[in-house]
Structures are given as structure tokens and as C-alpha cells.
Amino acid sequence: MARTLFSLPSNLALDEASPDWMNKGDNAWQLTAATLVGLQSIPGLLILYGGSVKKKWAVNSAFMVLYAFACVIVCWVGWGYRMSFGEERVPFWGKANVALDEQYLIEIGFLGKFPNATMVYFQGVFAAITLVLIGGALLGRMNFYAWMLFVPLWLTFSYTVTAFSIWCPSGFLAKMGLIDYSGGYVIHLSSGVAGFTAAYWVGPRLTQDRQRFPPNNVPLMLFGAGLLWMGWTGFNGGDPYVVSTDASLAVLNTHICTATSLLTWLALDLAYFRKPSIIGAVQGMITGLVCITPAAGVVQGWAAILMGICSGSIPWFTMMVVHKRSELIQKVDDTMAVLHTHAIAGTLGGILSGLFAVPKLNRLFYGVSGRYIGLFYGLTNNRAGDGIRQIRVQLIVVPLRMPEEDMEIGDEAAHGEEAYAIWGDEEDKNYPKYKLPKSKAAGQVEMTICGS
């Protein structure tokens, strides 16, 4: 049979700028998704913060956002990206290095079918919005010079640790099997806790600023909120790193959960205060966006509705009831309530991911079969143990006690090393599960598990 020769259309043809490993569609979507996330900060949160505070703090609040975004991007390419997604230094941190060299930037990324430059940009806008969210807790009183120092320091010593641990394939929480689709832990829990803690140390606003603080421009605030909501299409839709069915599901679930959460918050405001609150609606929108983030592409639509109901009610309760009854929480002046809208909603989303994560959808996202399963599906598929393990991982529960088989072996099981390594030791024969690899450099000993 004769061989038929054909050539690709010029727009699909391979060349030096379009190598065979790069998918042009994936690269285009990833750049678009990253830009949508960037628009959430600039101008989304810039406008939202500027319109939400008193008039006298509008410029300062907007400037905090603008500075944080710019500072993070420079630090990110200088050292932050490689500390978050580069070569492992310790199980929770990568080695600091620049992401500026042309040879590195045009190579294929650690995931996806696009270059490192695209991944650096995509992850950079995620890092930037995390610092912007922390700033929401500090509006109206933080010294701007202190903010200028805080941003690069927190990025370097906190964000990079969390991102490497959970999102980098070499991170210890990633290896444990923690489900965090798009940043429920990395971005929202960390920013909520950091913002609340920073608000405690910075101290409260002036008494008159805390007692009554209506937004200075409600339509502007809503415009910023709308950019935040629509930008979440790229926030969750870009995390599969491919234009796939899973990306489509993540986008749809994002909007389902957010709309449900907003309506739930609104219903509770009507029932409790007898008036619908536009500020409350925005809070419900934010908690819905945050709650679905760790689960966006790994749960079904009905689960997104349930998560929306939870995200519109539980943070509402902590903000409207628990907050007002707790003297401890009231002492902390959390301007934009990031504790409730991000820390609590993000934690809630992570836990619900452990309940509702579908094995098939996890396989589509992670590319691994049988490892990730929500407790609900574990109970219905005779895999209750795996489902319980997933919940424990989502709660980041570290067992206090070693497994018995590790205790029998001792140092080698715990650390991969022995105090006195004697070849041919009879004790090794008693534990055939552990063996030494055949090819290792002199002085290096590694423990591997047969069949793993």
C-alpha cells in the first residue's frame, strides 16, 4: 500500500517556536486563564477594596493591592517560583533559583504541554492574589512601609512552603494524596489564617472606623465583585493544565456553587435581619467561590449545590453569630472578614472534597487510579478505609504512632538509614519487603518498597 505524504496547515506546523511537545490550544487557554486570575486582583480586588472601605481609605486600600501584585511578580521570577515548584531542598520546600533564563523558560513545564514561561505566569498570579487577600484583613490602618516589607517576606517564607508541600509533585502533602484542586488550602486557608493573625498584631482601626464603615461606592464594589466572580473561570478552569472535559466541569461547578452560596446567604439575611443585604450577597458569593476551589473538577454538580448551601450558611453563622458572641474574635479587627470568607470557607471546601470527590474525576485530574476517593464513594464502593484515609488527609491528620511493621524494622524504615550498615546482616533477610536498589552511588543508601 502506497504511503501518503501530507503536510500540516501552516498554523499547526512544527517549528522552533512550536516544538512537538507543546499543545497550542492548551498553551493559549493557560495564558488566558492566568490573565483572568490576574484581572481578579488588578483591577478586581483593587476596585472591590477601594469601594468597600471609607472614602478616606480608598486610595490606600487600592494601592496596597497594586503594590502587592507588582512585588510578588518580581519576587516570583527572582526566587519564589523555583522555591514552590522547583528542585526539592526539603520535603516542604524547593531550592531558590531564578526563573528568568531563556533556556529554562522555553522548556516544557513540570506539568502540562506548554513551556515553563506559561506556568511561571499562571502560578505567579495565584501567588499575587494570595497576598492581596491577606491585605483585605489589614485595610484602614497598616503602615504602607510595613506592608512593603511584609509582602516579599510572607511570600518567601510561607507561601512557597505551602505551595511546594501541596501542589509540587515532590511535596510531602502531595505525596500523601491531599486533594486541593485549585487552592482551597494553598491560597484561601493560608491567606485567611495569615490575614487574621496579621490583623491581631497590627491592631484594630480607630474606634469610629470600626463602629460604622459603610462602603464609599457600592456600584464600584459590585463591579469589583463581578470581576472576581467571572475571573474565577480561569482560577479553577486553568488548573487541569489542559483544555479538557475536567476543565469544563470545574468551570460549571464553580458557578453552580457560587450562585447557590449567594442565594443561601441572602435567604439567611432575609430570615434573620428581614432585609436583603448587598454586602451579604457579596460575602456569600466569595464563600461559594472559595469553598468550591479545592473540589471544582473532582465533584459532581449535585455536590457543588450542597457545597454552595454549606458555604452560604456555615460562614454566615460564624460571621453573624459566633463572631458577635466571641470576645476573642472581636478583639481582632479583620476588615474584610477573611477569617470567615477564606479560612473557614476554604477549610470547609477541603473537608467536603474529602466527602464528595469522585474516583473517576480524580483520575481525570491527577492521572492516577484508585488513590483519591471521597468518603461518600468509599462507603458505597466497599472502600470505606480508603474514604476514611482521604478525610484524614484532608484534615491534615498526621498519625502519632508509627506502623507496627516500621517499628519492627526501626531506623531504616523511618529514615532510610542504619546506624551500623553491615552487608549481609541476617536481620535484613527477615524483612524481604525492604531491599536496596541495585544502582546507587557509593555512600548512598535508599529504601524502596517492593511492588510499589
Protein backbone atom coordinates (compact mmCIF):
# COMPACT_ATOMS: atom_id res chain seq x y z
CA MET A 1 0.00 0.00 0.00
CA ALA A 2 1.48 3.33 -1.03
CA ARG A 3 2.48 5.78 1.72
CA THR A 4 0.61 9.06 1.57
CA LEU A 5 2.61 12.13 2.40
CA PHE A 6 0.88 15.21 3.70
CA SER A 7 1.81 18.42 5.43
CA LEU A 8 0.10 20.15 8.33
CA PRO A 9 -1.60 23.50 7.83
CA SER A 10 0.81 26.37 8.36
CA ASN A 11 -0.86 27.33 11.66
CA LEU A 12 -0.26 23.83 13.06
CA ALA A 13 3.14 23.13 11.56
CA LEU A 14 6.01 22.45 13.94
CA ASP A 15 8.93 24.83 14.09
CA GLU A 16 11.50 26.02 16.58
CA ALA A 17 8.95 28.23 18.35
CA SER A 18 6.28 25.48 18.36
CA PRO A 19 8.02 22.24 19.42
CA ASP A 20 6.32 18.88 19.12
CA TRP A 21 5.66 18.65 22.88
CA MET A 22 3.64 21.87 23.01
CA ASN A 23 -0.14 21.91 22.53
CA LYS A 24 -1.08 25.32 21.12
CA GLY A 25 -4.64 25.10 22.38
CA ASP A 26 -3.57 24.25 25.92
CA ASN A 27 -0.97 27.00 25.91
CA ALA A 28 -3.48 29.57 24.67
CA TRP A 29 -6.04 28.62 27.31
CA GLN A 30 -3.45 28.60 30.09
CA LEU A 31 -2.33 32.11 29.21
CA THR A 32 -5.97 33.23 29.06
CA ALA A 33 -6.80 31.58 32.39
CA ALA A 34 -3.76 33.22 34.01
CA THR A 35 -4.85 36.61 32.72
CA LEU A 36 -8.37 36.06 34.12
CA VAL A 37 -6.83 35.34 37.52
CA GLY A 38 -4.67 38.43 37.20
CA LEU A 39 -7.77 40.51 36.46
CA GLN A 40 -9.24 39.29 39.73
CA SER A 41 -6.55 41.28 41.51
CA ILE A 42 -5.93 44.08 39.00
CA PRO A 43 -8.47 45.63 38.82
CA GLY A 44 -10.95 43.25 40.56
CA LEU A 45 -9.92 43.31 44.21
CA LEU A 46 -8.37 46.74 43.78
CA ILE A 47 -11.83 48.09 42.92
CA LEU A 48 -13.62 45.89 45.47
CA TYR A 49 -11.40 47.05 48.34
CA GLY A 50 -11.38 50.66 47.17
CA GLY A 51 -15.18 50.74 47.01
CA SER A 52 -15.79 48.81 50.24
CA VAL A 53 -13.85 50.97 52.71
CA LYS A 54 -14.48 54.50 53.89
CA LYS A 55 -13.64 57.27 51.43
CA LYS A 56 -10.55 58.30 53.40
CA TRP A 57 -9.00 54.85 52.90
CA ALA A 58 -9.94 54.23 49.25
CA VAL A 59 -6.57 55.21 47.76
CA ASN A 60 -4.51 53.41 50.42
CA SER A 61 -6.53 50.20 50.05
CA ALA A 62 -6.26 50.20 46.27
CA PHE A 63 -2.54 50.97 46.43
CA MET A 64 -1.92 48.03 48.77
CA VAL A 65 -3.34 45.75 46.08
CA LEU A 66 -1.34 47.34 43.28
CA TYR A 67 1.93 47.15 45.20
CA ALA A 68 1.39 43.56 46.34
CA PHE A 69 0.72 42.37 42.79
CA ALA A 70 3.80 44.05 41.37
CA CYS A 71 6.09 42.99 44.22
CA VAL A 72 5.01 39.35 44.09
CA ILE A 73 5.59 39.07 40.34
CA VAL A 74 9.18 40.33 40.66
CA CYS A 75 9.92 38.10 43.67
CA TRP A 76 8.24 35.18 41.92
CA VAL A 77 10.57 35.15 38.92
CA GLY A 78 13.52 36.03 41.17
CA TRP A 79 13.23 33.08 43.54
CA GLY A 80 9.63 32.27 44.51
CA TYR A 81 8.63 30.02 41.61
CA ARG A 82 11.57 27.67 41.90
CA MET A 83 11.11 27.51 45.69
CA SER A 84 7.48 26.49 45.10
CA PHE A 85 7.81 24.18 42.08
CA GLY A 86 11.49 23.57 41.54
CA GLU A 87 14.07 21.05 42.71
CA GLU A 88 13.41 19.72 46.22
CA ARG A 89 15.57 21.01 49.07
CA VAL A 90 13.47 19.50 51.87
CA PRO A 91 10.09 17.73 51.63
CA PHE A 92 8.24 21.02 52.07
CA TRP A 93 10.47 23.50 50.23
CA GLY A 94 12.24 23.84 46.92
CA LYS A 95 15.64 25.32 46.11
CA ALA A 96 15.69 29.05 45.45
CA ASN A 97 16.64 29.95 41.90
CA VAL A 98 15.70 32.43 39.22
CA ALA A 99 13.07 31.81 36.54
CA LEU A 100 14.45 34.31 34.06
CA ASP A 101 16.77 32.33 31.82
CA GLU A 102 15.56 31.86 28.24
CA GLN A 103 16.74 28.24 28.13
CA TYR A 104 14.67 27.38 31.21
CA LEU A 105 11.58 29.37 30.28
CA ILE A 106 11.03 27.82 26.86
CA GLU A 107 11.43 24.23 28.08
CA ILE A 108 8.35 22.12 28.85
CA GLY A 109 6.80 22.78 32.26
CA PHE A 110 6.74 20.25 35.08
CA LEU A 111 3.10 19.54 34.15
CA GLY A 112 1.06 20.27 31.05
CA LYS A 113 2.01 20.64 27.41
CA PHE A 114 3.25 24.20 27.45
CA PRO A 115 6.51 25.97 28.35
CA ASN A 116 7.79 26.94 31.77
CA ALA A 117 7.15 30.60 30.94
CA THR A 118 3.40 29.93 30.84
CA MET A 119 3.49 28.00 34.11
CA VAL A 120 5.54 30.71 35.83
CA TYR A 121 2.96 33.31 34.77
CA PHE A 122 -0.03 31.18 35.76
CA GLN A 123 1.30 30.30 39.20
CA GLY A 124 2.59 33.85 39.70
CA VAL A 125 -0.86 35.42 39.55
CA PHE A 126 -2.07 32.84 42.08
CA ALA A 127 0.73 33.83 44.44
CA ALA A 128 -0.10 37.51 43.91
CA ILE A 129 -3.80 37.18 44.71
CA THR A 130 -2.94 35.33 47.94
CA LEU A 131 -1.06 38.37 49.25
CA VAL A 132 -3.86 40.65 48.04
CA LEU A 133 -6.37 38.61 50.05
CA ILE A 134 -4.22 38.93 53.18
CA GLY A 135 -4.24 42.68 52.64
CA GLY A 136 -8.03 42.64 52.91
CA ALA A 137 -7.74 41.92 56.64
CA LEU A 138 -5.44 44.91 57.19
CA LEU A 139 -7.21 47.72 55.36
CA GLY A 140 -7.54 51.08 57.06
CA ARG A 141 -4.56 51.05 59.42
CA MET A 142 -1.45 49.17 58.29
CA ASN A 143 1.67 51.25 57.73
CA PHE A 144 2.36 51.11 53.99
CA TYR A 145 6.11 50.77 54.54
CA ALA A 146 5.48 47.75 56.76
CA TRP A 147 3.25 46.31 54.02
CA MET A 148 6.09 46.77 51.53
CA LEU A 149 8.29 44.57 53.74
CA PHE A 150 5.59 42.07 54.68
CA VAL A 151 4.70 41.07 51.11
CA PRO A 152 8.08 39.66 49.97
CA LEU A 153 8.80 38.12 53.37
CA TRP A 154 5.49 36.25 53.62
CA LEU A 155 5.73 35.11 50.02
CA THR A 156 9.22 33.73 50.63
CA PHE A 157 8.78 32.05 53.99
CA SER A 158 5.12 31.00 53.95
CA TYR A 159 3.53 30.80 50.52
CA THR A 160 6.41 28.92 48.90
CA VAL A 161 6.32 26.32 51.67
CA THR A 162 2.58 25.71 51.31
CA ALA A 163 2.66 25.67 47.51
CA PHE A 164 5.57 23.21 47.36
CA SER A 165 4.08 20.92 50.02
CA ILE A 166 0.65 20.63 48.37
CA TRP A 167 1.00 21.40 44.66
CA CYS A 168 4.52 20.36 43.72
CA PRO A 169 4.69 16.62 42.89
CA SER A 170 7.67 16.38 45.28
CA GLY A 171 5.80 17.95 48.22
CA PHE A 172 5.06 15.75 51.21
CA LEU A 173 1.34 16.59 51.33
CA ALA A 174 1.03 15.97 47.59
CA LYS A 175 2.56 12.55 48.13
CA MET A 176 0.09 11.90 50.97
CA GLY A 177 -2.75 12.39 48.48
CA LEU A 178 -4.23 15.71 49.67
CA ILE A 179 -6.94 16.95 47.28
CA ASP A 180 -6.61 20.67 46.59
CA TYR A 181 -7.81 21.25 43.05
CA SER A 182 -7.11 24.95 42.82
CA GLY A 183 -6.05 26.42 46.15
CA GLY A 184 -8.53 25.87 48.98
CA TYR A 185 -5.58 25.23 51.27
CA VAL A 186 -2.68 26.87 49.41
CA ILE A 187 -4.44 30.18 48.82
CA HIS A 188 -7.58 30.59 50.90
CA LEU A 189 -6.84 28.81 54.16
CA SER A 190 -3.33 30.24 54.27
CA SER A 191 -4.44 33.80 53.42
CA GLY A 192 -7.33 33.66 55.88
CA VAL A 193 -5.17 32.49 58.77
CA ALA A 194 -2.30 34.83 57.87
CA GLY A 195 -4.64 37.81 57.47
CA PHE A 196 -6.36 37.18 60.79
CA THR A 197 -3.03 36.73 62.57
CA ALA A 198 -1.56 39.85 60.97
CA ALA A 199 -4.68 41.83 61.91
CA TYR A 200 -4.14 40.82 65.54
CA TRP A 201 -0.54 42.06 65.57
CA VAL A 202 -1.18 45.26 63.61
CA GLY A 203 -4.06 46.16 65.89
CA PRO A 204 -7.55 47.50 65.18
CA ARG A 205 -8.70 50.53 63.25
CA LEU A 206 -9.83 53.67 65.06
CA THR A 207 -12.99 53.12 67.09
CA GLN A 208 -15.08 55.38 64.87
CA ASP A 209 -13.89 53.48 61.79
CA ARG A 210 -14.92 50.13 63.27
CA GLN A 211 -18.32 51.16 64.60
CA ARG A 212 -19.71 52.26 61.26
CA PHE A 213 -17.99 51.64 57.95
CA PRO A 214 -20.43 51.72 55.01
CA PRO A 215 -18.90 51.26 51.53
CA ASN A 216 -17.95 54.56 49.92
CA ASN A 217 -19.12 53.36 46.48
CA VAL A 218 -21.47 50.37 46.28
CA PRO A 219 -21.66 50.13 42.45
CA LEU A 220 -17.86 50.19 42.27
CA MET A 221 -17.70 47.49 44.92
CA LEU A 222 -20.12 45.36 42.89
CA PHE A 223 -18.08 45.88 39.74
CA GLY A 224 -15.01 44.54 41.54
CA ALA A 225 -17.04 41.63 42.90
CA GLY A 226 -18.26 40.80 39.41
CA LEU A 227 -14.70 40.74 38.06
CA LEU A 228 -13.75 38.45 40.94
CA TRP A 229 -16.58 36.04 40.16
CA MET A 230 -16.06 35.86 36.40
CA GLY A 231 -12.28 35.70 36.83
CA TRP A 232 -12.75 32.50 38.82
CA THR A 233 -13.45 30.82 35.48
CA GLY A 234 -9.70 30.96 34.89
CA PHE A 235 -8.90 30.35 38.56
CA ASN A 236 -10.47 26.88 38.58
CA GLY A 237 -10.71 26.21 34.85
CA GLY A 238 -6.98 26.56 34.34
CA ASP A 239 -5.81 24.08 36.93
CA PRO A 240 -6.08 20.87 34.91
CA TYR A 241 -3.34 22.44 32.74
CA VAL A 242 -5.20 21.16 29.69
CA VAL A 243 -8.31 22.06 27.70
CA SER A 244 -10.31 19.04 28.84
CA THR A 245 -13.69 17.83 29.98
CA ASP A 246 -12.45 18.19 33.54
CA ALA A 247 -11.72 21.88 32.95
CA SER A 248 -15.26 22.36 31.67
CA LEU A 249 -16.70 20.61 34.71
CA ALA A 250 -14.57 22.75 37.04
CA VAL A 251 -15.87 25.96 35.45
CA LEU A 252 -19.52 24.87 35.64
CA ASN A 253 -19.22 23.66 39.24
CA THR A 254 -17.60 26.95 40.18
CA HIS A 255 -20.60 28.97 39.04
CA ILE A 256 -23.15 26.49 40.43
CA CYS A 257 -21.64 26.57 43.91
CA THR A 258 -21.17 30.34 43.88
CA ALA A 259 -24.73 31.10 42.83
CA THR A 260 -26.12 28.66 45.40
CA SER A 261 -23.97 30.14 48.15
CA LEU A 262 -25.03 33.70 47.33
CA LEU A 263 -28.72 32.74 47.40
CA THR A 264 -28.28 30.82 50.67
CA TRP A 265 -26.56 33.78 52.35
CA LEU A 266 -29.29 36.10 51.03
CA ALA A 267 -32.03 33.81 52.39
CA LEU A 268 -30.41 33.75 55.83
CA ASP A 269 -30.12 37.56 55.84
CA LEU A 270 -33.81 37.82 54.96
CA ALA A 271 -34.81 35.34 57.65
CA TYR A 272 -32.61 36.84 60.37
CA PHE A 273 -32.46 40.57 59.58
CA ARG A 274 -35.65 40.90 57.49
CA LYS A 275 -33.68 42.76 54.80
CA PRO A 276 -31.63 41.59 51.82
CA SER A 277 -28.06 42.89 52.10
CA ILE A 278 -25.92 43.63 49.07
CA ILE A 279 -22.78 43.31 51.20
CA GLY A 280 -24.06 39.98 52.46
CA ALA A 281 -24.66 38.84 48.89
CA VAL A 282 -21.05 39.64 48.03
CA GLN A 283 -19.85 37.75 51.10
CA GLY A 284 -21.94 34.74 50.08
CA MET A 285 -20.53 34.95 46.57
CA ILE A 286 -16.96 34.93 47.91
CA THR A 287 -17.53 32.00 50.28
CA GLY A 288 -19.03 29.99 47.41
CA LEU A 289 -16.06 30.69 45.17
CA VAL A 290 -13.63 29.75 47.94
CA CYS A 291 -15.46 26.60 49.03
CA ILE A 292 -15.64 25.02 45.56
CA THR A 293 -11.99 25.80 44.77
CA PRO A 294 -10.39 22.67 46.27
CA ALA A 295 -13.05 20.45 44.68
CA ALA A 296 -14.06 22.18 41.44
CA GLY A 297 -13.17 19.45 38.95
CA VAL A 298 -13.46 16.36 41.16
CA VAL A 299 -17.08 16.55 42.34
CA GLN A 300 -20.44 16.24 40.60
CA GLY A 301 -22.92 19.06 40.04
CA TRP A 302 -25.22 17.98 42.85
CA ALA A 303 -22.25 18.07 45.23
CA ALA A 304 -21.48 21.62 44.06
CA ILE A 305 -25.02 22.62 45.09
CA LEU A 306 -24.60 21.01 48.51
CA MET A 307 -21.25 22.74 48.91
CA GLY A 308 -22.90 26.04 47.98
CA ILE A 309 -25.54 25.55 50.66
CA CYS A 310 -22.83 24.82 53.22
CA SER A 311 -20.63 27.74 52.14
CA GLY A 312 -23.56 30.13 52.28
CA SER A 313 -24.67 29.02 55.74
CA ILE A 314 -21.69 27.91 57.85
CA PRO A 315 -19.51 31.02 57.25
CA TRP A 316 -22.68 33.11 57.67
CA PHE A 317 -23.17 31.52 61.09
CA THR A 318 -19.55 32.01 62.14
CA MET A 319 -19.64 35.65 61.00
CA MET A 320 -23.09 36.70 62.22
CA VAL A 321 -23.43 34.57 65.36
CA VAL A 322 -20.11 33.15 66.58
CA HIS A 323 -18.16 36.32 65.81
CA LYS A 324 -20.58 38.54 67.73
CA ARG A 325 -20.56 36.24 70.75
CA SER A 326 -16.81 35.67 70.91
CA GLU A 327 -14.82 38.33 72.71
CA LEU A 328 -11.60 36.80 71.45
CA ILE A 329 -12.56 37.07 67.78
CA GLN A 330 -13.99 40.56 68.25
CA LYS A 331 -10.63 41.79 69.54
CA VAL A 332 -9.17 41.15 66.08
CA ASP A 333 -10.16 43.77 63.50
CA ASP A 334 -10.41 41.70 60.32
CA THR A 335 -11.55 44.43 57.91
CA MET A 336 -12.83 42.24 55.04
CA ALA A 337 -13.63 39.22 57.26
CA VAL A 338 -11.06 36.99 55.56
CA LEU A 339 -11.18 34.58 58.51
CA HIS A 340 -14.77 33.70 57.63
CA THR A 341 -14.77 34.15 53.86
CA HIS A 342 -11.44 32.46 53.16
CA ALA A 343 -10.05 30.46 56.12
CA ILE A 344 -13.36 28.90 57.18
CA ALA A 345 -14.79 28.58 53.67
CA GLY A 346 -11.51 27.14 52.35
CA THR A 347 -11.30 24.61 55.16
CA LEU A 348 -14.94 23.69 54.59
CA GLY A 349 -14.25 23.12 50.91
CA GLY A 350 -11.26 20.91 51.68
CA ILE A 351 -13.27 18.73 54.06
CA LEU A 352 -16.21 18.46 51.66
CA SER A 353 -13.76 17.46 48.92
CA GLY A 354 -12.86 14.50 51.10
CA LEU A 355 -16.54 13.58 51.23
CA PHE A 356 -17.68 14.11 47.64
CA ALA A 357 -14.58 13.52 45.47
CA VAL A 358 -15.47 11.11 42.64
CA PRO A 359 -12.80 8.47 41.87
CA LYS A 360 -13.23 8.81 38.08
CA LEU A 361 -12.97 12.60 38.16
CA ASN A 362 -9.87 12.39 40.35
CA ARG A 363 -8.39 10.02 37.79
CA LEU A 364 -9.09 12.54 35.03
CA PHE A 365 -7.40 15.30 37.02
CA TYR A 366 -4.49 13.53 38.73
CA GLY A 367 -3.98 10.76 36.17
CA VAL A 368 -3.82 8.16 38.96
CA SER A 369 -6.34 5.36 39.52
CA GLY A 370 -7.63 4.29 42.92
CA ARG A 371 -5.71 6.75 45.09
CA TYR A 372 -8.21 9.58 45.59
CA ILE A 373 -11.74 8.81 46.73
CA GLY A 374 -14.27 10.73 48.78
CA LEU A 375 -15.72 9.09 51.87
CA PHE A 376 -19.20 9.05 50.32
CA TYR A 377 -17.95 6.94 47.40
CA GLY A 378 -15.75 4.88 49.66
CA LEU A 379 -18.78 3.79 51.66
CA THR A 380 -20.83 2.97 48.56
CA ASN A 381 -17.99 1.12 46.75
CA ASN A 382 -16.83 -1.05 49.66
CA ARG A 383 -13.73 1.14 50.11
CA ALA A 384 -14.61 2.72 53.43
CA GLY A 385 -11.00 2.50 54.63
CA ASP A 386 -9.77 4.48 51.63
CA GLY A 387 -12.52 7.05 52.12
CA ILE A 388 -11.64 7.49 55.79
CA ARG A 389 -7.97 7.84 54.86
CA GLN A 390 -8.87 10.61 52.41
CA ILE A 391 -10.78 12.52 55.08
CA ARG A 392 -7.81 12.21 57.43
CA VAL A 393 -5.52 13.56 54.72
CA GLN A 394 -7.92 16.47 54.03
CA LEU A 395 -7.83 17.31 57.72
CA ILE A 396 -4.03 17.01 57.52
CA VAL A 397 -4.06 14.50 60.34
CA VAL A 398 -0.56 13.16 60.97
CA PRO A 399 -0.60 9.87 62.90
CA LEU A 400 1.29 9.99 66.18
CA ARG A 401 2.23 6.32 66.10
CA MET A 402 4.42 4.54 63.56
CA PRO A 403 3.02 1.49 61.74
CA GLU A 404 3.97 -1.71 63.56
CA GLU A 405 5.98 -3.04 60.62
CA ASP A 406 8.08 0.14 60.69
CA MET A 407 8.59 -0.21 64.42
CA GLU A 408 9.87 -3.75 63.92
CA ILE A 409 12.48 -2.52 61.43
CA GLY A 410 13.47 0.72 63.15
CA ASP A 411 15.79 3.34 61.68
CA GLU A 412 15.81 2.02 58.13
CA ALA A 413 12.01 2.22 57.85
CA ALA A 414 11.82 5.67 59.42
CA HIS A 415 14.84 7.33 57.86
CA GLY A 416 16.19 5.03 55.17
CA GLU A 417 19.45 4.73 57.12
CA GLU A 418 21.05 2.49 59.72
CA ALA A 419 23.48 3.34 62.50
CA TYR A 420 25.70 0.39 61.54
CA ALA A 421 25.14 -0.81 57.97
CA ILE A 422 26.72 -4.26 57.67
CA TRP A 423 26.27 -6.02 54.34
CA GLY A 424 24.82 -9.46 54.68
CA ASP A 425 23.30 -8.71 58.05
CA GLU A 426 20.96 -11.57 58.87
CA GLU A 427 18.33 -9.10 60.08
CA ASP A 428 17.81 -7.88 56.50
CA LYS A 429 16.72 -11.36 55.46
CA ASN A 430 13.85 -11.25 57.91
CA TYR A 431 12.30 -8.29 56.10
CA PRO A 432 12.21 -9.04 52.35
CA LYS A 433 9.75 -6.20 51.87
CA TYR A 434 12.69 -3.80 52.06
CA LYS A 435 15.51 -4.02 49.60
CA LEU A 436 18.40 -1.89 48.39
CA PRO A 437 18.37 -0.63 44.82
CA LYS A 438 20.95 -2.17 42.52
CA SER A 439 22.47 1.01 41.18
CA LYS A 440 23.42 3.66 43.70
CA ALA A 441 26.48 5.79 44.07
CA ALA A 442 28.91 4.91 46.81
CA GLY A 443 27.80 6.06 50.22
CA GLN A 444 24.13 6.35 49.21
CA VAL A 445 21.55 4.04 50.70
CA GLU A 446 17.89 4.22 49.68
CA MET A 447 14.97 2.21 51.00
CA THR A 448 12.38 1.11 48.44
CA ILE A 449 9.26 -0.97 48.78
CA CYS A 450 8.77 -4.00 46.58
CA GLY A 451 5.76 -3.81 44.35
CA SER A 452 5.13 -0.11 44.97
